Structure formats: C-alpha cells, structure tokens
Amino acid sequence: MATVSKALFRGAASTSSTTLYTVPASTTTVVTNILVANTSASSATYDLLLDDVSIANDVVIGANDTVSIDLKQTLATTKTIKGLASVTTVNFHISGVEVA
C-alpha cells in the first residue's frame, strides 16, 4: 500500500457548488486539514461538503482572515469534496493522505 501526503485542492472558490476533489480509483483518502482564506477587505461566506454532507454551511469568514479546520475524515473511491463561497476572493487549501 502506497501512502502519499498531498494537496488535494488549492485555489479560489467558485460562487456555485463545485467539485474540488474526487478520490481516485482504488484509493482511500483521509482529509486532514482545510484552510479557508478570505483575501477581500469585506467579510464573505463559504460552504464545504464531504461526500455531499455539509461540514460548513454558510459560514462567515471575516475580511482578510483565515480559518483552519483540522479533521480526520476518510473518503472512499469516487467520493468528493465540494465547495463554494459568496465571492471568488475566498481560497481553499485542502490537505490529506491518499492510500492506494
């Protein structure tokens, strides 16, 4: 079994629900950390879903602020991480471990 720590997604949020990561075939992924950064001078909101289950729903993030979510959630093959924000100045940085 190969275990690889990696960035699962790094980039700007969309204002509509978007798949940020899909677990590859024959792989299990453990999501370990999510950083949400708002680079705007105004507050914003964001949503995150693991396997279509909300873990953050319409959460307010302050202007020029960063939120850290530490977790250990396992996702099986083809499961997804989805996200969106009220503005595209919100960035997601999602880290984890793939086990194949």
Protein backbone atom coordinates (compact mmCIF):
# COMPACT_ATOMS: atom_id res chain seq x y z
CA MET A 1 0.00 0.00 0.00
CA ALA A 2 1.33 3.37 -1.02
CA THR A 3 0.56 6.33 1.23
CA VAL A 4 1.04 9.80 -0.23
CA SER A 5 0.55 13.11 1.63
CA LYS A 6 -0.61 15.76 -0.80
CA ALA A 7 -2.51 18.92 -1.50
CA LEU A 8 -5.94 17.73 -2.56
CA PHE A 9 -7.02 21.19 -3.73
CA ARG A 10 -5.54 24.67 -3.72
CA GLY A 11 -7.33 27.53 -5.38
CA ALA A 12 -10.08 30.10 -5.48
CA ALA A 13 -13.65 29.21 -4.62
CA SER A 14 -16.43 29.41 -7.14
CA THR A 15 -19.72 31.16 -6.34
CA SER A 16 -21.62 27.98 -7.24
CA SER A 17 -21.09 24.47 -5.87
CA THR A 18 -18.01 22.95 -7.49
CA THR A 19 -16.21 19.64 -7.07
CA LEU A 20 -12.80 20.47 -5.61
CA TYR A 21 -11.52 16.88 -5.34
CA THR A 22 -12.60 13.38 -6.31
CA VAL A 23 -11.00 10.31 -4.74
CA PRO A 24 -9.18 8.34 -7.49
CA ALA A 25 -9.99 4.73 -8.36
CA SER A 26 -8.63 2.07 -5.98
CA THR A 27 -7.79 4.77 -3.42
CA THR A 28 -8.96 5.88 0.01
CA THR A 29 -8.31 9.47 1.03
CA VAL A 30 -8.02 10.91 4.53
CA VAL A 31 -8.74 14.64 4.63
CA THR A 32 -6.52 16.10 7.35
CA ASN A 33 -6.73 19.89 7.13
CA ILE A 34 -8.66 22.61 5.34
CA LEU A 35 -7.61 26.25 5.30
CA VAL A 36 -10.10 28.85 4.14
CA ALA A 37 -8.60 32.25 3.37
CA ASN A 38 -10.54 35.41 2.56
CA THR A 39 -8.31 37.91 0.74
CA SER A 40 -11.04 40.53 0.46
CA ALA A 41 -11.46 43.67 2.53
CA SER A 42 -15.06 42.54 3.19
CA SER A 43 -16.42 39.52 5.01
CA ALA A 44 -17.65 36.55 2.97
CA THR A 45 -19.33 33.17 3.45
CA TYR A 46 -18.35 29.66 2.41
CA ASP A 47 -19.75 26.13 2.26
CA LEU A 48 -17.87 22.80 2.26
CA LEU A 49 -19.24 19.29 1.72
CA LEU A 50 -17.58 15.90 2.13
CA ASP A 51 -19.39 13.18 0.17
CA ASP A 52 -22.33 15.60 -0.23
CA VAL A 53 -22.63 16.03 3.54
CA SER A 54 -22.21 19.60 4.74
CA ILE A 55 -19.37 20.26 7.19
CA ALA A 56 -19.59 24.05 6.84
CA ASN A 57 -22.79 25.76 5.76
CA ASP A 58 -22.88 29.49 5.05
CA VAL A 59 -20.02 30.13 7.48
CA VAL A 60 -18.94 33.77 7.76
CA ILE A 61 -15.23 34.48 7.37
CA GLY A 62 -14.00 37.97 8.20
CA ALA A 63 -12.16 40.34 5.91
CA ASN A 64 -8.53 39.30 5.35
CA ASP A 65 -8.99 36.33 7.67
CA THR A 66 -8.04 32.64 7.61
CA VAL A 67 -9.90 29.71 9.17
CA SER A 68 -8.22 26.37 9.89
CA ILE A 69 -10.32 23.20 10.06
CA ASP A 70 -8.43 20.21 11.47
CA LEU A 71 -10.14 16.90 10.85
CA LYS A 72 -9.57 13.24 10.07
CA GLN A 73 -12.27 12.19 7.63
CA THR A 74 -11.99 9.17 5.34
CA LEU A 75 -13.42 9.23 1.83
CA ALA A 76 -13.72 6.12 -0.35
CA THR A 77 -13.15 5.81 -4.10
CA THR A 78 -15.19 8.30 -6.21
CA LYS A 79 -16.33 10.34 -3.18
CA THR A 80 -15.95 14.10 -3.47
CA ILE A 81 -15.14 17.32 -1.70
CA LYS A 82 -17.27 20.23 -2.89
CA GLY A 83 -17.21 23.88 -2.01
CA LEU A 84 -18.38 27.35 -2.83
CA ALA A 85 -18.18 30.87 -1.46
CA SER A 86 -20.06 34.12 -1.76
CA VAL A 87 -17.07 35.70 -3.55
CA THR A 88 -14.11 34.38 -5.53
CA THR A 89 -11.61 36.04 -3.17
CA VAL A 90 -12.09 33.09 -0.83
CA ASN A 91 -9.45 30.39 -1.31
CA PHE A 92 -9.49 26.75 -0.20
CA HIS A 93 -6.31 24.84 0.70
CA ILE A 94 -7.19 21.19 1.35
CA SER A 95 -4.57 18.69 2.50
CA GLY A 96 -4.77 14.96 3.03
CA VAL A 97 -3.33 11.50 2.54
CA GLU A 98 -4.13 9.13 -0.33
CA VAL A 99 -3.81 5.40 0.38
CA ALA A 100 -3.74 3.16 -2.69
